[in-house]
Amino acid sequence: MTKEAQFLAAMQGKSEWFASLADPIQAQLAAAAQVRRVKDGEAVYRQGDAPDGLYAMLQGRVRLIAWSPGGVGCLLLLAAEGMWFGEVSTIDAAPRQQDAIAQGACQVARIPLAAIAKIAAQQPELWRHIGRLACTHQRQAISHIQDLLSLPRAARVAKVLLASSAGDDAPVAMTQDELAGTCGMGRQTANAILGTLEQAGMVRLGYRVIWILDAERLARVAMGEICRANKE
């Protein structure tokens, strides 16, 4: 199987965005893709790095984390198989705004900026599609902000944990500082909620990971049905 065929097979049925592209654009992106294996904890790129292209997830997951000047990390996106990321810097050529860190061993494909420009010169609608990808991620970010403003604290923690879970009994690879930053609260508050959830048998805390033991009950917390973990 050729490199292009492998790329297309990896995207098939996993990326609605890629499926929406015209066949010639799909073929050109596949031909330009540079595939790379990334080890657990290794950076695909770092906050402040110069843009180097648009990325697609072929296998595994990548965590996009933004850091405040005080060093508090906030998980913005968990890119799973079939998802694309890095589109904002691809559009404006400005430095990266987040770290992109592998969660477990993974495989990513990079479409270099020069290749994007060359394809777009022949297929100008590619820029509109990349803009649409940016809009999708912006809507997700706005939804997250709305959750921070409206949901009880325990519900925020539960929702972030469930959204960050890879399933299949895999732990959520997130420090308690990152969880607190993502949920818009202090570490002490987040730790108290986690402790209550652990006592209730919904989660188990480990070193830099959190195991979800009862996803059904945790989902009820996320929906605000069980808020005893930390009443406002």
C-alpha atoms as a PDB file:
ATOM      1  CA  MET A   1       0.000   0.000   0.000  1.00  0.00           C
ATOM      2  CA  THR A   2       1.373   3.425  -0.955  1.00  0.00           C
ATOM      3  CA  LYS A   3       1.860   6.243   1.541  1.00  0.00           C
ATOM      4  CA  GLU A   4      -1.084   8.094   0.019  1.00  0.00           C
ATOM      5  CA  ALA A   5      -3.326   5.023   0.250  1.00  0.00           C
ATOM      6  CA  GLN A   6      -2.349   4.485   3.896  1.00  0.00           C
ATOM      7  CA  PHE A   7      -3.190   8.087   4.718  1.00  0.00           C
ATOM      8  CA  LEU A   8      -6.552   7.922   2.965  1.00  0.00           C
ATOM      9  CA  ALA A   9      -7.357   4.630   4.723  1.00  0.00           C
ATOM     10  CA  ALA A  10      -6.515   6.178   8.104  1.00  0.00           C
ATOM     11  CA  MET A  11      -8.868   9.107   7.439  1.00  0.00           C
ATOM     12  CA  GLN A  12     -11.713   7.049   5.981  1.00  0.00           C
ATOM     13  CA  GLY A  13     -14.725   7.028   8.258  1.00  0.00           C
ATOM     14  CA  LYS A  14     -12.888   8.958  10.985  1.00  0.00           C
ATOM     15  CA  SER A  15     -12.770  12.555   9.758  1.00  0.00           C
ATOM     16  CA  GLU A  16     -15.943  14.325   8.687  1.00  0.00           C
ATOM     17  CA  TRP A  17     -13.866  17.371   7.814  1.00  0.00           C
ATOM     18  CA  PHE A  18     -11.587  15.425   5.461  1.00  0.00           C
ATOM     19  CA  ALA A  19     -14.556  13.591   3.947  1.00  0.00           C
ATOM     20  CA  SER A  20     -16.129  16.950   3.063  1.00  0.00           C
ATOM     21  CA  LEU A  21     -13.167  17.894   0.843  1.00  0.00           C
ATOM     22  CA  ALA A  22     -13.238  17.380  -2.910  1.00  0.00           C
ATOM     23  CA  ASP A  23     -11.441  14.252  -4.110  1.00  0.00           C
ATOM     24  CA  PRO A  24      -8.581  16.202  -5.768  1.00  0.00           C
ATOM     25  CA  ILE A  25      -7.863  18.048  -2.498  1.00  0.00           C
ATOM     26  CA  GLN A  26      -7.941  14.797  -0.533  1.00  0.00           C
ATOM     27  CA  ALA A  27      -5.478  13.226  -2.955  1.00  0.00           C
ATOM     28  CA  GLN A  28      -3.118  16.210  -2.845  1.00  0.00           C
ATOM     29  CA  LEU A  29      -3.160  16.380   0.949  1.00  0.00           C
ATOM     30  CA  ALA A  30      -2.446  12.648   1.112  1.00  0.00           C
ATOM     31  CA  ALA A  31       0.463  13.020  -1.295  1.00  0.00           C
ATOM     32  CA  ALA A  32       1.958  15.877   0.756  1.00  0.00           C
ATOM     33  CA  ALA A  33       1.510  14.194   4.170  1.00  0.00           C
ATOM     34  CA  GLN A  34       4.672  13.585   6.183  1.00  0.00           C
ATOM     35  CA  VAL A  35       3.980  10.801   8.684  1.00  0.00           C
ATOM     36  CA  ARG A  36       5.754  10.745  12.027  1.00  0.00           C
ATOM     37  CA  ARG A  37       5.610   8.522  15.086  1.00  0.00           C
ATOM     38  CA  VAL A  38       5.553  10.324  18.437  1.00  0.00           C
ATOM     39  CA  LYS A  39       6.370   8.750  21.809  1.00  0.00           C
ATOM     40  CA  ASP A  40       4.225   9.149  24.917  1.00  0.00           C
ATOM     41  CA  GLY A  41       4.835  12.581  26.416  1.00  0.00           C
ATOM     42  CA  GLU A  42       6.772  13.825  23.387  1.00  0.00           C
ATOM     43  CA  ALA A  43       5.851  17.191  21.876  1.00  0.00           C
ATOM     44  CA  VAL A  44       4.522  17.445  18.343  1.00  0.00           C
ATOM     45  CA  TYR A  45       5.162  21.163  18.784  1.00  0.00           C
ATOM     46  CA  ARG A  46       5.476  23.627  21.653  1.00  0.00           C
ATOM     47  CA  GLN A  47       3.749  26.875  22.521  1.00  0.00           C
ATOM     48  CA  GLY A  48       5.691  29.671  20.827  1.00  0.00           C
ATOM     49  CA  ASP A  49       7.050  27.481  18.016  1.00  0.00           C
ATOM     50  CA  ALA A  50       6.892  28.795  14.477  1.00  0.00           C
ATOM     51  CA  PRO A  51       4.064  27.236  12.427  1.00  0.00           C
ATOM     52  CA  ASP A  52       5.120  24.259  10.333  1.00  0.00           C
ATOM     53  CA  GLY A  53       1.847  23.036   8.868  1.00  0.00           C
ATOM     54  CA  LEU A  54      -1.498  21.394   9.461  1.00  0.00           C
ATOM     55  CA  TYR A  55      -1.634  18.139  11.444  1.00  0.00           C
ATOM     56  CA  ALA A  56      -3.847  15.048  11.273  1.00  0.00           C
ATOM     57  CA  MET A  57      -4.125  12.264  13.841  1.00  0.00           C
ATOM     58  CA  LEU A  58      -3.602   8.814  12.330  1.00  0.00           C
ATOM     59  CA  GLN A  59      -3.242   6.793  15.533  1.00  0.00           C
ATOM     60  CA  GLY A  60      -3.491   7.604  19.229  1.00  0.00           C
ATOM     61  CA  ARG A  61      -4.221  10.954  20.849  1.00  0.00           C
ATOM     62  CA  VAL A  62      -2.555  14.345  21.229  1.00  0.00           C
ATOM     63  CA  ARG A  63      -3.338  16.826  24.012  1.00  0.00           C
ATOM     64  CA  LEU A  64      -3.342  20.547  23.145  1.00  0.00           C
ATOM     65  CA  ILE A  65      -2.441  22.488  26.290  1.00  0.00           C
ATOM     66  CA  ALA A  66      -2.211  26.268  26.670  1.00  0.00           C
ATOM     67  CA  TRP A  67      -0.108  27.716  29.475  1.00  0.00           C
ATOM     68  CA  SER A  68      -0.753  30.906  31.423  1.00  0.00           C
ATOM     69  CA  PRO A  69       2.122  33.246  32.342  1.00  0.00           C
ATOM     70  CA  GLY A  70       1.899  31.735  35.824  1.00  0.00           C
ATOM     71  CA  GLY A  71       2.481  28.242  34.481  1.00  0.00           C
ATOM     72  CA  VAL A  72      -1.078  26.922  34.813  1.00  0.00           C
ATOM     73  CA  GLY A  73      -1.950  24.501  32.023  1.00  0.00           C
ATOM     74  CA  CYS A  74      -5.382  24.312  30.406  1.00  0.00           C
ATOM     75  CA  LEU A  75      -6.354  21.380  28.186  1.00  0.00           C
ATOM     76  CA  LEU A  76      -8.002  22.943  25.126  1.00  0.00           C
ATOM     77  CA  LEU A  77      -8.443  19.932  22.874  1.00  0.00           C
ATOM     78  CA  LEU A  78      -7.855  16.197  22.941  1.00  0.00           C
ATOM     79  CA  ALA A  79      -7.170  15.264  19.324  1.00  0.00           C
ATOM     80  CA  ALA A  80      -8.154  11.653  18.644  1.00  0.00           C
ATOM     81  CA  GLU A  81      -7.802   9.552  15.482  1.00  0.00           C
ATOM     82  CA  GLY A  82      -9.152  11.330  12.425  1.00  0.00           C
ATOM     83  CA  MET A  83      -9.004  14.788  13.972  1.00  0.00           C
ATOM     84  CA  TRP A  84      -7.021  17.707  12.566  1.00  0.00           C
ATOM     85  CA  PHE A  85      -5.270  20.453  14.536  1.00  0.00           C
ATOM     86  CA  GLY A  86      -2.857  23.351  14.140  1.00  0.00           C
ATOM     87  CA  GLU A  87      -5.123  25.179  11.708  1.00  0.00           C
ATOM     88  CA  VAL A  88      -4.962  28.651  13.301  1.00  0.00           C
ATOM     89  CA  SER A  89      -1.208  29.049  12.825  1.00  0.00           C
ATOM     90  CA  THR A  90      -1.621  27.560   9.363  1.00  0.00           C
ATOM     91  CA  ILE A  91      -3.974  30.432   8.509  1.00  0.00           C
ATOM     92  CA  ASP A  92      -2.202  33.393  10.135  1.00  0.00           C
ATOM     93  CA  ALA A  93       1.412  32.088  10.214  1.00  0.00           C
ATOM     94  CA  ALA A  94       1.704  33.249  13.851  1.00  0.00           C
ATOM     95  CA  PRO A  95       3.511  31.189  16.542  1.00  0.00           C
ATOM     96  CA  ARG A  96       1.777  28.204  18.123  1.00  0.00           C
ATOM     97  CA  GLN A  97      -0.507  29.046  21.038  1.00  0.00           C
ATOM     98  CA  GLN A  98      -0.416  25.630  22.689  1.00  0.00           C
ATOM     99  CA  ASP A  99       1.740  22.619  23.398  1.00  0.00           C
ATOM    100  CA  ALA A 100       0.711  19.541  21.419  1.00  0.00           C
ATOM    101  CA  ILE A 101       1.757  16.537  23.526  1.00  0.00           C
ATOM    102  CA  ALA A 102       1.321  12.853  22.709  1.00  0.00           C
ATOM    103  CA  GLN A 103      -0.903  10.879  25.075  1.00  0.00           C
ATOM    104  CA  GLY A 104       0.556   7.427  24.638  1.00  0.00           C
ATOM    105  CA  ALA A 105       2.421   6.411  21.500  1.00  0.00           C
ATOM    106  CA  CYS A 106       0.794   7.923  18.437  1.00  0.00           C
ATOM    107  CA  GLN A 107       1.217   8.651  14.756  1.00  0.00           C
ATOM    108  CA  VAL A 108       0.602  12.053  13.193  1.00  0.00           C
ATOM    109  CA  ALA A 109       0.722  13.383   9.657  1.00  0.00           C
ATOM    110  CA  ARG A 110       1.915  16.896   8.859  1.00  0.00           C
ATOM    111  CA  ILE A 111       0.937  18.825   5.740  1.00  0.00           C
ATOM    112  CA  PRO A 112       3.717  21.447   5.412  1.00  0.00           C
ATOM    113  CA  LEU A 113       2.767  25.098   4.958  1.00  0.00           C
ATOM    114  CA  ALA A 114       4.381  25.182   1.519  1.00  0.00           C
ATOM    115  CA  ALA A 115       2.248  22.222   0.440  1.00  0.00           C
ATOM    116  CA  ILE A 116      -0.917  23.892   1.789  1.00  0.00           C
ATOM    117  CA  ALA A 117      -0.127  27.041  -0.195  1.00  0.00           C
ATOM    118  CA  LYS A 118       0.599  25.043  -3.364  1.00  0.00           C
ATOM    119  CA  ILE A 119      -2.635  23.036  -3.108  1.00  0.00           C
ATOM    120  CA  ALA A 120      -4.661  26.171  -2.311  1.00  0.00           C
ATOM    121  CA  ALA A 121      -3.223  27.919  -5.355  1.00  0.00           C
ATOM    122  CA  GLN A 122      -4.911  25.227  -7.463  1.00  0.00           C
ATOM    123  CA  GLN A 123      -7.886  24.655  -5.166  1.00  0.00           C
ATOM    124  CA  PRO A 124      -8.644  28.030  -3.453  1.00  0.00           C
ATOM    125  CA  GLU A 125     -11.577  26.552  -1.543  1.00  0.00           C
ATOM    126  CA  LEU A 126      -9.071  24.746   0.674  1.00  0.00           C
ATOM    127  CA  TRP A 127      -8.645  27.950   2.702  1.00  0.00           C
ATOM    128  CA  ARG A 128     -12.400  28.082   3.314  1.00  0.00           C
ATOM    129  CA  HIS A 129     -12.322  24.497   4.560  1.00  0.00           C
ATOM    130  CA  ILE A 130      -9.391  25.213   6.881  1.00  0.00           C
ATOM    131  CA  GLY A 131     -11.279  28.265   8.143  1.00  0.00           C
ATOM    132  CA  ARG A 132     -14.288  26.037   8.806  1.00  0.00           C
ATOM    133  CA  LEU A 133     -12.066  23.723  10.836  1.00  0.00           C
ATOM    134  CA  ALA A 134     -10.936  26.700  12.915  1.00  0.00           C
ATOM    135  CA  CYS A 135     -14.581  27.705  13.442  1.00  0.00           C
ATOM    136  CA  THR A 136     -15.442  24.212  14.687  1.00  0.00           C
ATOM    137  CA  HIS A 137     -12.691  24.352  17.301  1.00  0.00           C
ATOM    138  CA  GLN A 138     -13.696  27.896  18.270  1.00  0.00           C
ATOM    139  CA  ARG A 139     -17.279  26.755  18.863  1.00  0.00           C
ATOM    140  CA  GLN A 140     -15.966  23.948  21.075  1.00  0.00           C
ATOM    141  CA  ALA A 141     -13.916  26.484  23.040  1.00  0.00           C
ATOM    142  CA  ILE A 142     -16.942  28.778  23.473  1.00  0.00           C
ATOM    143  CA  SER A 143     -19.018  25.831  24.679  1.00  0.00           C
ATOM    144  CA  HIS A 144     -16.314  25.037  27.233  1.00  0.00           C
ATOM    145  CA  ILE A 145     -16.313  28.654  28.452  1.00  0.00           C
ATOM    146  CA  GLN A 146     -20.096  28.534  28.797  1.00  0.00           C
ATOM    147  CA  ASP A 147     -19.720  25.413  30.935  1.00  0.00           C
ATOM    148  CA  LEU A 148     -17.216  27.221  33.164  1.00  0.00           C
ATOM    149  CA  LEU A 149     -19.696  30.044  33.687  1.00  0.00           C
ATOM    150  CA  SER A 150     -22.821  27.970  34.241  1.00  0.00           C
ATOM    151  CA  LEU A 151     -22.024  24.505  35.609  1.00  0.00           C
ATOM    152  CA  PRO A 152     -21.399  23.683  39.277  1.00  0.00           C
ATOM    153  CA  ARG A 153     -17.743  22.982  40.002  1.00  0.00           C
ATOM    154  CA  ALA A 154     -18.194  19.248  40.457  1.00  0.00           C
ATOM    155  CA  ALA A 155     -20.035  19.070  37.129  1.00  0.00           C
ATOM    156  CA  ARG A 156     -17.147  20.853  35.397  1.00  0.00           C
ATOM    157  CA  VAL A 157     -14.633  18.367  36.775  1.00  0.00           C
ATOM    158  CA  ALA A 158     -16.758  15.375  35.806  1.00  0.00           C
ATOM    159  CA  LYS A 159     -17.403  16.696  32.296  1.00  0.00           C
ATOM    160  CA  VAL A 160     -13.715  17.387  31.632  1.00  0.00           C
ATOM    161  CA  LEU A 161     -12.718  13.938  32.894  1.00  0.00           C
ATOM    162  CA  LEU A 162     -15.262  12.206  30.670  1.00  0.00           C
ATOM    163  CA  ALA A 163     -14.313  14.299  27.632  1.00  0.00           C
ATOM    164  CA  SER A 164     -10.628  13.511  28.206  1.00  0.00           C
ATOM    165  CA  SER A 165     -11.105   9.769  28.594  1.00  0.00           C
ATOM    166  CA  ALA A 166      -9.734   7.521  25.875  1.00  0.00           C
ATOM    167  CA  GLY A 167     -12.077   4.725  26.935  1.00  0.00           C
ATOM    168  CA  ASP A 168     -11.125   1.047  27.023  1.00  0.00           C
ATOM    169  CA  ASP A 169     -10.165   1.357  30.708  1.00  0.00           C
ATOM    170  CA  ALA A 170      -7.364   3.802  29.827  1.00  0.00           C
ATOM    171  CA  PRO A 171      -6.633   6.452  32.466  1.00  0.00           C
ATOM    172  CA  VAL A 172      -7.095  10.154  31.884  1.00  0.00           C
ATOM    173  CA  ALA A 173      -3.530  11.425  31.420  1.00  0.00           C
ATOM    174  CA  MET A 174      -3.863  14.760  33.206  1.00  0.00           C
ATOM    175  CA  THR A 175      -2.221  16.300  36.241  1.00  0.00           C
ATOM    176  CA  GLN A 176      -4.417  17.816  38.911  1.00  0.00           C
ATOM    177  CA  ASP A 177      -2.977  21.247  38.052  1.00  0.00           C
ATOM    178  CA  GLU A 178      -4.034  20.793  34.402  1.00  0.00           C
ATOM    179  CA  LEU A 179      -7.485  19.650  35.482  1.00  0.00           C
ATOM    180  CA  ALA A 180      -7.882  22.676  37.741  1.00  0.00           C
ATOM    181  CA  GLY A 181      -6.787  25.043  34.959  1.00  0.00           C
ATOM    182  CA  THR A 182      -9.098  23.412  32.433  1.00  0.00           C
ATOM    183  CA  CYS A 183     -12.025  23.645  34.846  1.00  0.00           C
ATOM    184  CA  GLY A 184     -11.339  27.276  35.759  1.00  0.00           C
ATOM    185  CA  MET A 185     -10.733  26.714  39.470  1.00  0.00           C
ATOM    186  CA  GLY A 186      -7.912  26.528  41.979  1.00  0.00           C
ATOM    187  CA  ARG A 187      -5.974  23.324  42.550  1.00  0.00           C
ATOM    188  CA  GLN A 188      -7.198  23.047  46.137  1.00  0.00           C
ATOM    189  CA  THR A 189     -10.826  23.133  44.989  1.00  0.00           C
ATOM    190  CA  ALA A 190     -10.198  20.607  42.213  1.00  0.00           C
ATOM    191  CA  ASN A 191      -8.357  18.300  44.611  1.00  0.00           C
ATOM    192  CA  ALA A 192     -11.243  18.429  47.089  1.00  0.00           C
ATOM    193  CA  ILE A 193     -13.716  17.468  44.356  1.00  0.00           C
ATOM    194  CA  LEU A 194     -11.478  14.649  43.140  1.00  0.00           C
ATOM    195  CA  GLY A 195     -11.145  13.379  46.697  1.00  0.00           C
ATOM    196  CA  THR A 196     -14.916  13.289  47.093  1.00  0.00           C
ATOM    197  CA  LEU A 197     -15.350  11.541  43.728  1.00  0.00           C
ATOM    198  CA  GLU A 198     -12.719   8.997  44.741  1.00  0.00           C
ATOM    199  CA  GLN A 199     -14.431   8.336  48.073  1.00  0.00           C
ATOM    200  CA  ALA A 200     -17.677   7.795  46.157  1.00  0.00           C
ATOM    201  CA  GLY A 201     -15.981   5.172  43.988  1.00  0.00           C
ATOM    202  CA  MET A 202     -16.291   7.111  40.742  1.00  0.00           C
ATOM    203  CA  VAL A 203     -12.580   7.722  40.139  1.00  0.00           C
ATOM    204  CA  ARG A 204      -9.177   6.570  41.356  1.00  0.00           C
ATOM    205  CA  LEU A 205      -6.238   8.955  41.529  1.00  0.00           C
ATOM    206  CA  GLY A 206      -2.766   7.970  40.366  1.00  0.00           C
ATOM    207  CA  TYR A 207       0.509   9.713  39.550  1.00  0.00           C
ATOM    208  CA  ARG A 208      -0.311  12.215  36.771  1.00  0.00           C
ATOM    209  CA  VAL A 209      -3.342  10.107  35.802  1.00  0.00           C
ATOM    210  CA  ILE A 210      -6.965   9.703  36.898  1.00  0.00           C
ATOM    211  CA  TRP A 211      -8.861   6.437  36.428  1.00  0.00           C
ATOM    212  CA  ILE A 212     -12.597   6.575  35.773  1.00  0.00           C
ATOM    213  CA  LEU A 213     -14.233   3.722  37.674  1.00  0.00           C
ATOM    214  CA  ASP A 214     -17.921   4.542  37.252  1.00  0.00           C
ATOM    215  CA  ALA A 215     -18.547   6.513  34.054  1.00  0.00           C
ATOM    216  CA  GLU A 216     -22.337   6.291  34.411  1.00  0.00           C
ATOM    217  CA  ARG A 217     -22.424   7.979  37.804  1.00  0.00           C
ATOM    218  CA  LEU A 218     -19.763  10.461  36.733  1.00  0.00           C
ATOM    219  CA  ALA A 219     -21.947  11.389  33.749  1.00  0.00           C
ATOM    220  CA  ARG A 220     -24.770  12.152  36.169  1.00  0.00           C
ATOM    221  CA  VAL A 221     -22.433  14.491  38.041  1.00  0.00           C
ATOM    222  CA  ALA A 222     -21.475  16.130  34.734  1.00  0.00           C
ATOM    223  CA  MET A 223     -25.159  16.736  33.976  1.00  0.00           C
ATOM    224  CA  GLY A 224     -25.633  18.394  37.368  1.00  0.00           C
ATOM    225  CA  GLU A 225     -27.825  15.605  38.715  1.00  0.00           C
ATOM    226  CA  ILE A 226     -25.346  14.819  41.504  1.00  0.00           C
ATOM    227  CA  CYS A 227     -23.744  17.975  42.848  1.00  0.00           C
ATOM    228  CA  ARG A 228     -23.036  16.878  46.413  1.00  0.00           C
ATOM    229  CA  ALA A 229     -19.359  16.526  45.567  1.00  0.00           C
ATOM    230  CA  ASN A 230     -18.905  20.293  45.853  1.00  0.00           C
ATOM    231  CA  LYS A 231     -21.940  22.516  46.317  1.00  0.00           C
ATOM    232  CA  GLU A 232     -21.510  26.119  45.323  1.00  0.00           C
END
